[in-house]
PDB file of N, CA and C in Angstrom:
ATOM      1  N   MET A   1     -21.190 -14.619   8.383  1.00  0.00           N
ATOM      2  CA  MET A   1     -19.855 -14.080   8.675  1.00  0.00           C
ATOM      3  C   MET A   1     -20.011 -12.749   9.454  1.00  0.00           C
ATOM      4  N   SER A   2     -19.085 -12.548  10.361  1.00  0.00           N
ATOM      5  CA  SER A   2     -19.104 -11.333  11.145  1.00  0.00           C
ATOM      6  C   SER A   2     -18.458 -10.215  10.298  1.00  0.00           C
ATOM      7  N   ASN A   3     -18.732  -8.981  10.767  1.00  0.00           N
ATOM      8  CA  ASN A   3     -18.094  -7.826  10.031  1.00  0.00           C
ATOM      9  C   ASN A   3     -16.572  -7.841  10.140  1.00  0.00           C
ATOM     10  N   ASP A   4     -16.046  -8.318  11.218  1.00  0.00           N
ATOM     11  CA  ASP A   4     -14.535  -8.406  11.355  1.00  0.00           C
ATOM     12  C   ASP A   4     -13.974  -9.312  10.294  1.00  0.00           C
ATOM     13  N   LYS A   5     -14.595 -10.521  10.130  1.00  0.00           N
ATOM     14  CA  LYS A   5     -14.121 -11.455   9.108  1.00  0.00           C
ATOM     15  C   LYS A   5     -14.195 -10.837   7.739  1.00  0.00           C
ATOM     16  N   ILE A   6     -15.298 -10.167   7.426  1.00  0.00           N
ATOM     17  CA  ILE A   6     -15.438  -9.573   6.120  1.00  0.00           C
ATOM     18  C   ILE A   6     -14.454  -8.523   5.850  1.00  0.00           C
ATOM     19  N   GLN A   7     -14.220  -7.672   6.904  1.00  0.00           N
ATOM     20  CA  GLN A   7     -13.232  -6.622   6.792  1.00  0.00           C
ATOM     21  C   GLN A   7     -11.790  -7.216   6.612  1.00  0.00           C
ATOM     22  N   PHE A   8     -11.502  -8.243   7.337  1.00  0.00           N
ATOM     23  CA  PHE A   8     -10.236  -8.904   7.251  1.00  0.00           C
ATOM     24  C   PHE A   8      -9.993  -9.457   5.828  1.00  0.00           C
ATOM     25  N   ILE A   9     -10.961 -10.132   5.323  1.00  0.00           N
ATOM     26  CA  ILE A   9     -10.862 -10.721   3.956  1.00  0.00           C
ATOM     27  C   ILE A   9     -10.753  -9.618   2.894  1.00  0.00           C
ATOM     28  N   ALA A  10     -11.566  -8.536   3.051  1.00  0.00           N
ATOM     29  CA  ALA A  10     -11.538  -7.438   2.109  1.00  0.00           C
ATOM     30  C   ALA A  10     -10.153  -6.752   2.110  1.00  0.00           C
ATOM     31  N   LEU A  11      -9.567  -6.563   3.278  1.00  0.00           N
ATOM     32  CA  LEU A  11      -8.249  -5.879   3.334  1.00  0.00           C
ATOM     33  C   LEU A  11      -7.192  -6.796   2.743  1.00  0.00           C
ATOM     34  N   ILE A  12      -7.293  -8.101   2.927  1.00  0.00           N
ATOM     35  CA  ILE A  12      -6.268  -8.999   2.335  1.00  0.00           C
ATOM     36  C   ILE A  12      -6.417  -8.991   0.837  1.00  0.00           C
ATOM     37  N   VAL A  13      -7.657  -9.063   0.298  1.00  0.00           N
ATOM     38  CA  VAL A  13      -7.832  -9.073  -1.123  1.00  0.00           C
ATOM     39  C   VAL A  13      -7.392  -7.754  -1.767  1.00  0.00           C
ATOM     40  N   LEU A  14      -7.784  -6.693  -1.138  1.00  0.00           N
ATOM     41  CA  LEU A  14      -7.370  -5.358  -1.696  1.00  0.00           C
ATOM     42  C   LEU A  14      -5.869  -5.190  -1.596  1.00  0.00           C
ATOM     43  N   GLY A  15      -5.210  -5.523  -0.487  1.00  0.00           N
ATOM     44  CA  GLY A  15      -3.839  -5.443  -0.396  1.00  0.00           C
ATOM     45  C   GLY A  15      -3.082  -6.322  -1.405  1.00  0.00           C
ATOM     46  N   GLY A  16      -3.595  -7.530  -1.600  1.00  0.00           N
ATOM     47  CA  GLY A  16      -3.007  -8.486  -2.510  1.00  0.00           C
ATOM     48  C   GLY A  16      -3.065  -7.994  -3.954  1.00  0.00           C
ATOM     49  N   VAL A  17      -4.197  -7.406  -4.315  1.00  0.00           N
ATOM     50  CA  VAL A  17      -4.340  -6.902  -5.659  1.00  0.00           C
ATOM     51  C   VAL A  17      -3.419  -5.711  -5.880  1.00  0.00           C
ATOM     52  N   LEU A  18      -3.312  -4.835  -4.876  1.00  0.00           N
ATOM     53  CA  LEU A  18      -2.415  -3.704  -4.998  1.00  0.00           C
ATOM     54  C   LEU A  18      -0.933  -4.137  -5.061  1.00  0.00           C
ATOM     55  N   LEU A  19      -0.566  -5.191  -4.313  1.00  0.00           N
ATOM     56  CA  LEU A  19       0.791  -5.667  -4.356  1.00  0.00           C
ATOM     57  C   LEU A  19       1.130  -6.293  -5.748  1.00  0.00           C
ATOM     58  N   LEU A  20       0.146  -6.909  -6.335  1.00  0.00           N
ATOM     59  CA  LEU A  20       0.396  -7.505  -7.671  1.00  0.00           C
ATOM     60  C   LEU A  20       0.145  -6.584  -8.833  1.00  0.00           C
ATOM     61  N   PHE A  21      -0.409  -5.433  -8.543  1.00  0.00           N
ATOM     62  CA  PHE A  21      -0.721  -4.457  -9.609  1.00  0.00           C
ATOM     63  C   PHE A  21       0.471  -4.052 -10.503  1.00  0.00           C
ATOM     64  N   PRO A  22       1.621  -3.822  -9.904  1.00  0.00           N
ATOM     65  CA  PRO A  22       2.815  -3.423 -10.807  1.00  0.00           C
ATOM     66  C   PRO A  22       3.202  -4.505 -11.788  1.00  0.00           C
ATOM     67  N   PHE A  23       2.876  -5.722 -11.547  1.00  0.00           N
ATOM     68  CA  PHE A  23       3.253  -6.784 -12.494  1.00  0.00           C
ATOM     69  C   PHE A  23       2.295  -6.869 -13.718  1.00  0.00           C
ATOM     70  N   PHE A  24       1.146  -6.278 -13.585  1.00  0.00           N
ATOM     71  CA  PHE A  24       0.124  -6.390 -14.656  1.00  0.00           C
ATOM     72  C   PHE A  24      -0.231  -4.951 -15.198  1.00  0.00           C
ATOM     73  N   GLN A  25       0.654  -4.047 -15.179  1.00  0.00           N
ATOM     74  CA  GLN A  25       0.367  -2.707 -15.592  1.00  0.00           C
ATOM     75  C   GLN A  25       0.740  -2.450 -17.072  1.00  0.00           C
ATOM     76  N   ASP A  26       0.038  -1.461 -17.660  1.00  0.00           N
ATOM     77  CA  ASP A  26       0.361  -1.046 -18.961  1.00  0.00           C
ATOM     78  C   ASP A  26       1.648  -0.183 -18.882  1.00  0.00           C
ATOM     79  N   THR A  27       2.420  -0.169 -19.889  1.00  0.00           N
ATOM     80  CA  THR A  27       3.621   0.654 -19.865  1.00  0.00           C
ATOM     81  C   THR A  27       3.304   1.965 -20.549  1.00  0.00           C
ATOM     82  N   TYR A  28       3.799   3.069 -19.928  1.00  0.00           N
ATOM     83  CA  TYR A  28       3.645   4.358 -20.398  1.00  0.00           C
ATOM     84  C   TYR A  28       5.047   4.854 -20.875  1.00  0.00           C
ATOM     85  N   SER A  29       5.056   5.924 -21.682  1.00  0.00           N
ATOM     86  CA  SER A  29       6.323   6.374 -22.163  1.00  0.00           C
ATOM     87  C   SER A  29       7.092   7.083 -21.084  1.00  0.00           C
ATOM     88  N   ASP A  30       6.384   7.557 -20.043  1.00  0.00           N
ATOM     89  CA  ASP A  30       7.030   8.275 -18.967  1.00  0.00           C
ATOM     90  C   ASP A  30       7.500   7.261 -17.883  1.00  0.00           C
ATOM     91  N   GLU A  31       8.781   7.097 -17.785  1.00  0.00           N
ATOM     92  CA  GLU A  31       9.378   6.190 -16.865  1.00  0.00           C
ATOM     93  C   GLU A  31       9.098   6.576 -15.428  1.00  0.00           C
ATOM     94  N   LEU A  32       9.106   7.905 -15.096  1.00  0.00           N
ATOM     95  CA  LEU A  32       8.855   8.374 -13.775  1.00  0.00           C
ATOM     96  C   LEU A  32       7.427   7.998 -13.344  1.00  0.00           C
ATOM     97  N   PHE A  33       6.460   8.132 -14.210  1.00  0.00           N
ATOM     98  CA  PHE A  33       5.161   7.763 -13.849  1.00  0.00           C
ATOM     99  C   PHE A  33       5.005   6.236 -13.601  1.00  0.00           C
ATOM    100  N   ASN A  34       5.631   5.474 -14.442  1.00  0.00           N
ATOM    101  CA  ASN A  34       5.572   4.002 -14.185  1.00  0.00           C
ATOM    102  C   ASN A  34       6.114   3.644 -12.834  1.00  0.00           C
ATOM    103  N   ASP A  35       7.319   4.177 -12.534  1.00  0.00           N
ATOM    104  CA  ASP A  35       7.953   3.829 -11.172  1.00  0.00           C
ATOM    105  C   ASP A  35       7.069   4.310 -10.061  1.00  0.00           C
ATOM    106  N   ALA A  36       6.536   5.566 -10.187  1.00  0.00           N
ATOM    107  CA  ALA A  36       5.741   6.174  -9.113  1.00  0.00           C
ATOM    108  C   ALA A  36       4.482   5.303  -8.936  1.00  0.00           C
ATOM    109  N   LYS A  37       3.835   4.934  -9.995  1.00  0.00           N
ATOM    110  CA  LYS A  37       2.585   4.159  -9.965  1.00  0.00           C
ATOM    111  C   LYS A  37       2.826   2.848  -9.296  1.00  0.00           C
ATOM    112  N   SER A  38       3.881   2.165  -9.653  1.00  0.00           N
ATOM    113  CA  SER A  38       4.201   0.817  -9.073  1.00  0.00           C
ATOM    114  C   SER A  38       4.531   0.953  -7.637  1.00  0.00           C
ATOM    115  N   THR A  39       5.300   1.918  -7.247  1.00  0.00           N
ATOM    116  CA  THR A  39       5.704   2.094  -5.813  1.00  0.00           C
ATOM    117  C   THR A  39       4.497   2.488  -4.999  1.00  0.00           C
ATOM    118  N   LEU A  40       3.624   3.325  -5.507  1.00  0.00           N
ATOM    119  CA  LEU A  40       2.438   3.744  -4.768  1.00  0.00           C
ATOM    120  C   LEU A  40       1.501   2.594  -4.639  1.00  0.00           C
ATOM    121  N   ALA A  41       1.317   1.790  -5.627  1.00  0.00           N
ATOM    122  CA  ALA A  41       0.409   0.625  -5.465  1.00  0.00           C
ATOM    123  C   ALA A  41       1.011  -0.406  -4.469  1.00  0.00           C
ATOM    124  N   PHE A  42       2.337  -0.614  -4.496  1.00  0.00           N
ATOM    125  CA  PHE A  42       2.964  -1.503  -3.524  1.00  0.00           C
ATOM    126  C   PHE A  42       2.845  -0.947  -2.100  1.00  0.00           C
ATOM    127  N   SER A  43       3.020   0.376  -1.903  1.00  0.00           N
ATOM    128  CA  SER A  43       2.884   0.940  -0.611  1.00  0.00           C
ATOM    129  C   SER A  43       1.437   0.844  -0.048  1.00  0.00           C
ATOM    130  N   LEU A  44       0.505   1.066  -0.894  1.00  0.00           N
ATOM    131  CA  LEU A  44      -0.884   0.971  -0.461  1.00  0.00           C
ATOM    132  C   LEU A  44      -1.229  -0.505  -0.147  1.00  0.00           C
ATOM    133  N   GLY A  45      -0.671  -1.454  -0.949  1.00  0.00           N
ATOM    134  CA  GLY A  45      -0.873  -2.823  -0.611  1.00  0.00           C
ATOM    135  C   GLY A  45      -0.300  -3.260   0.735  1.00  0.00           C
ATOM    136  N   VAL A  46       0.872  -2.725   1.011  1.00  0.00           N
ATOM    137  CA  VAL A  46       1.466  -2.957   2.334  1.00  0.00           C
ATOM    138  C   VAL A  46       0.590  -2.382   3.424  1.00  0.00           C
ATOM    139  N   ILE A  47       0.074  -1.220   3.225  1.00  0.00           N
ATOM    140  CA  ILE A  47      -0.781  -0.608   4.252  1.00  0.00           C
ATOM    141  C   ILE A  47      -2.024  -1.440   4.522  1.00  0.00           C
ATOM    142  N   PHE A  48      -2.689  -1.885   3.497  1.00  0.00           N
ATOM    143  CA  PHE A  48      -3.973  -2.711   3.630  1.00  0.00           C
ATOM    144  C   PHE A  48      -3.627  -4.036   4.264  1.00  0.00           C
ATOM    145  N   LEU A  49      -2.578  -4.700   3.821  1.00  0.00           N
ATOM    146  CA  LEU A  49      -2.253  -5.980   4.385  1.00  0.00           C
ATOM    147  C   LEU A  49      -1.883  -5.859   5.834  1.00  0.00           C
ATOM    148  N   SER A  50      -1.046  -4.876   6.144  1.00  0.00           N
ATOM    149  CA  SER A  50      -0.573  -4.763   7.553  1.00  0.00           C
ATOM    150  C   SER A  50      -1.780  -4.346   8.446  1.00  0.00           C
ATOM    151  N   GLU A  51      -2.677  -3.559   7.926  1.00  0.00           N
ATOM    152  CA  GLU A  51      -3.901  -3.214   8.665  1.00  0.00           C
ATOM    153  C   GLU A  51      -4.737  -4.489   8.961  1.00  0.00           C
ATOM    154  N   ALA A  52      -4.851  -5.366   8.073  1.00  0.00           N
ATOM    155  CA  ALA A  52      -5.615  -6.587   8.271  1.00  0.00           C
ATOM    156  C   ALA A  52      -4.936  -7.426   9.384  1.00  0.00           C
ATOM    157  N   PHE A  53      -3.620  -7.565   9.396  1.00  0.00           N
ATOM    158  CA  PHE A  53      -2.946  -8.402  10.360  1.00  0.00           C
ATOM    159  C   PHE A  53      -2.779  -7.635  11.654  1.00  0.00           C
ATOM    160  N   THR A  54      -2.753  -6.396  11.661  1.00  0.00           N
ATOM    161  CA  THR A  54      -2.616  -5.623  12.935  1.00  0.00           C
ATOM    162  C   THR A  54      -3.937  -5.853  13.767  1.00  0.00           C
ATOM    163  N   ASP A  55      -5.067  -5.856  13.115  1.00  0.00           N
ATOM    164  CA  ASP A  55      -6.299  -6.030  13.868  1.00  0.00           C
ATOM    165  C   ASP A  55      -6.425  -7.441  14.329  1.00  0.00           C
ATOM    166  N   SER A  56      -5.877  -8.438  13.604  1.00  0.00           N
ATOM    167  CA  SER A  56      -6.133  -9.856  14.018  1.00  0.00           C
ATOM    168  C   SER A  56      -5.084 -10.389  14.964  1.00  0.00           C
ATOM    169  N   GLU A  57      -3.953  -9.758  15.104  1.00  0.00           N
ATOM    170  CA  GLU A  57      -2.932 -10.296  16.077  1.00  0.00           C
ATOM    171  C   GLU A  57      -2.989  -9.591  17.352  1.00  0.00           C
ATOM    172  N   ASN A  58      -2.530 -10.257  18.417  1.00  0.00           N
ATOM    173  CA  ASN A  58      -2.588  -9.698  19.788  1.00  0.00           C
ATOM    174  C   ASN A  58      -1.172  -9.316  20.271  1.00  0.00           C
ATOM    175  N   SER A  59      -0.098  -9.765  19.590  1.00  0.00           N
ATOM    176  CA  SER A  59       1.232  -9.486  20.066  1.00  0.00           C
ATOM    177  C   SER A  59       1.550  -8.007  19.922  1.00  0.00           C
ATOM    178  N   LYS A  60       2.028  -7.439  21.023  1.00  0.00           N
ATOM    179  CA  LYS A  60       2.394  -6.000  21.010  1.00  0.00           C
ATOM    180  C   LYS A  60       3.564  -5.687  20.094  1.00  0.00           C
ATOM    181  N   GLY A  61       4.556  -6.567  20.070  1.00  0.00           N
ATOM    182  CA  GLY A  61       5.714  -6.401  19.226  1.00  0.00           C
ATOM    183  C   GLY A  61       5.324  -6.432  17.774  1.00  0.00           C
ATOM    184  N   ARG A  62       4.463  -7.353  17.455  1.00  0.00           N
ATOM    185  CA  ARG A  62       4.042  -7.473  16.001  1.00  0.00           C
ATOM    186  C   ARG A  62       3.193  -6.272  15.634  1.00  0.00           C
ATOM    187  N   LYS A  63       2.315  -5.803  16.528  1.00  0.00           N
ATOM    188  CA  LYS A  63       1.502  -4.594  16.203  1.00  0.00           C
ATOM    189  C   LYS A  63       2.394  -3.377  16.014  1.00  0.00           C
ATOM    190  N   ARG A  64       3.358  -3.257  16.844  1.00  0.00           N
ATOM    191  CA  ARG A  64       4.265  -2.102  16.737  1.00  0.00           C
ATOM    192  C   ARG A  64       5.019  -2.156  15.356  1.00  0.00           C
ATOM    193  N   PHE A  65       5.485  -3.332  15.018  1.00  0.00           N
ATOM    194  CA  PHE A  65       6.228  -3.519  13.791  1.00  0.00           C
ATOM    195  C   PHE A  65       5.288  -3.177  12.587  1.00  0.00           C
ATOM    196  N   LEU A  66       4.056  -3.709  12.574  1.00  0.00           N
ATOM    197  CA  LEU A  66       3.153  -3.410  11.498  1.00  0.00           C
ATOM    198  C   LEU A  66       2.732  -1.943  11.446  1.00  0.00           C
ATOM    199  N   ARG A  67       2.578  -1.317  12.543  1.00  0.00           N
ATOM    200  CA  ARG A  67       2.272   0.124  12.582  1.00  0.00           C
ATOM    201  C   ARG A  67       3.469   0.897  12.035  1.00  0.00           C
ATOM    202  N   THR A  68       4.699   0.496  12.378  1.00  0.00           N
ATOM    203  CA  THR A  68       5.832   1.185  11.780  1.00  0.00           C
ATOM    204  C   THR A  68       5.909   0.964  10.266  1.00  0.00           C
ATOM    205  N   LEU A  69       5.645  -0.200   9.846  1.00  0.00           N
ATOM    206  CA  LEU A  69       5.611  -0.521   8.425  1.00  0.00           C
ATOM    207  C   LEU A  69       4.572   0.329   7.685  1.00  0.00           C
ATOM    208  N   GLN A  70       3.361   0.520   8.327  1.00  0.00           N
ATOM    209  CA  GLN A  70       2.340   1.388   7.744  1.00  0.00           C
ATOM    210  C   GLN A  70       2.850   2.844   7.677  1.00  0.00           C
ATOM    211  N   ILE A  71       3.464   3.328   8.660  1.00  0.00           N
ATOM    212  CA  ILE A  71       3.958   4.703   8.633  1.00  0.00           C
ATOM    213  C   ILE A  71       4.997   4.936   7.553  1.00  0.00           C
ATOM    214  N   ILE A  72       5.893   3.948   7.375  1.00  0.00           N
ATOM    215  CA  ILE A  72       6.905   4.045   6.346  1.00  0.00           C
ATOM    216  C   ILE A  72       6.204   4.035   4.975  1.00  0.00           C
ATOM    217  N   ALA A  73       5.256   3.181   4.771  1.00  0.00           N
ATOM    218  CA  ALA A  73       4.535   3.131   3.515  1.00  0.00           C
ATOM    219  C   ALA A  73       3.688   4.398   3.277  1.00  0.00           C
ATOM    220  N   LEU A  74       3.130   4.949   4.259  1.00  0.00           N
ATOM    221  CA  LEU A  74       2.390   6.224   4.127  1.00  0.00           C
ATOM    222  C   LEU A  74       3.333   7.414   3.754  1.00  0.00           C
ATOM    223  N   VAL A  75       4.496   7.449   4.385  1.00  0.00           N
ATOM    224  CA  VAL A  75       5.433   8.452   4.062  1.00  0.00           C
ATOM    225  C   VAL A  75       5.928   8.353   2.665  1.00  0.00           C
ATOM    226  N   LEU A  76       6.250   7.147   2.266  1.00  0.00           N
ATOM    227  CA  LEU A  76       6.729   6.879   0.884  1.00  0.00           C
ATOM    228  C   LEU A  76       5.612   7.215  -0.118  1.00  0.00           C
ATOM    229  N   SER A  77       4.342   6.928   0.198  1.00  0.00           N
ATOM    230  CA  SER A  77       3.247   7.245  -0.686  1.00  0.00           C
ATOM    231  C   SER A  77       3.128   8.756  -0.839  1.00  0.00           C
ATOM    232  N   ALA A  78       3.214   9.465   0.303  1.00  0.00           N
ATOM    233  CA  ALA A  78       3.124  10.902   0.299  1.00  0.00           C
ATOM    234  C   ALA A  78       4.233  11.528  -0.581  1.00  0.00           C
ATOM    235  N   LEU A  79       5.436  11.011  -0.370  1.00  0.00           N
ATOM    236  CA  LEU A  79       6.537  11.536  -1.154  1.00  0.00           C
ATOM    237  C   LEU A  79       6.368  11.314  -2.692  1.00  0.00           C
ATOM    238  N   ILE A  80       5.893  10.171  -3.023  1.00  0.00           N
ATOM    239  CA  ILE A  80       5.609   9.827  -4.424  1.00  0.00           C
ATOM    240  C   ILE A  80       4.531  10.780  -4.996  1.00  0.00           C
ATOM    241  N   LEU A  81       3.473  10.971  -4.248  1.00  0.00           N
ATOM    242  CA  LEU A  81       2.426  11.870  -4.756  1.00  0.00           C
ATOM    243  C   LEU A  81       2.980  13.315  -4.881  1.00  0.00           C
ATOM    244  N   LEU A  82       3.783  13.720  -3.932  1.00  0.00           N
ATOM    245  CA  LEU A  82       4.401  15.009  -4.052  1.00  0.00           C
ATOM    246  C   LEU A  82       5.332  15.124  -5.245  1.00  0.00           C
ATOM    247  N   MET A  83       6.064  14.078  -5.521  1.00  0.00           N
ATOM    248  CA  MET A  83       6.928  14.078  -6.673  1.00  0.00           C
ATOM    249  C   MET A  83       6.144  14.128  -7.979  1.00  0.00           C
ATOM    250  N   LEU A  84       5.080  13.370  -8.036  1.00  0.00           N
ATOM    251  CA  LEU A  84       4.197  13.406  -9.235  1.00  0.00           C
ATOM    252  C   LEU A  84       3.551  14.854  -9.415  1.00  0.00           C
ATOM    253  N   PHE A  85       3.157  15.400  -8.311  1.00  0.00           N
ATOM    254  CA  PHE A  85       2.573  16.755  -8.369  1.00  0.00           C
ATOM    255  C   PHE A  85       3.574  17.797  -8.849  1.00  0.00           C
ATOM    256  N   LEU A  86       4.810  17.723  -8.339  1.00  0.00           N
ATOM    257  CA  LEU A  86       5.805  18.660  -8.779  1.00  0.00           C
ATOM    258  C   LEU A  86       6.192  18.468 -10.177  1.00  0.00           C
ATOM    259  N   GLU A  87       6.235  17.195 -10.608  1.00  0.00           N
ATOM    260  CA  GLU A  87       6.540  16.901 -12.001  1.00  0.00           C
ATOM    261  C   GLU A  87       5.494  17.417 -12.955  1.00  0.00           C
ATOM    262  N   ALA A  88       4.204  17.312 -12.522  1.00  0.00           N
ATOM    263  CA  ALA A  88       3.074  17.812 -13.352  1.00  0.00           C
ATOM    264  C   ALA A  88       3.089  19.352 -13.409  1.00  0.00           C
ATOM    265  N   MET A  89       3.535  19.988 -12.333  1.00  0.00           N
ATOM    266  CA  MET A  89       3.563  21.445 -12.317  1.00  0.00           C
ATOM    267  C   MET A  89       4.709  22.023 -13.203  1.00  0.00           C
ATOM    268  N   SER A  90       5.708  21.229 -13.459  1.00  0.00           N
ATOM    269  CA  SER A  90       6.826  21.818 -14.302  1.00  0.00           C
ATOM    270  C   SER A  90       6.664  21.589 -15.717  1.00  0.00           C
TER     271      SER A  90
END
């Protein structure tokens, strides 16, 4: 297998695990932490999956859409981490 195929498969597996992570999580007493953890895992799953398909597709429109999706997921992840940091500081 070439490195591109291995990377593609690894990104799909990692993204799929992260997308399914919120369904198999332990529950904590802190509702904010549960929501943030689930959303962060989902966002990272979207980033990994869209990265896998961005590299494999040639359509400019599809690449632009997937890159936009990645940016939205990154911003959402950054906001969640900031929210958790501020919550921990208070």
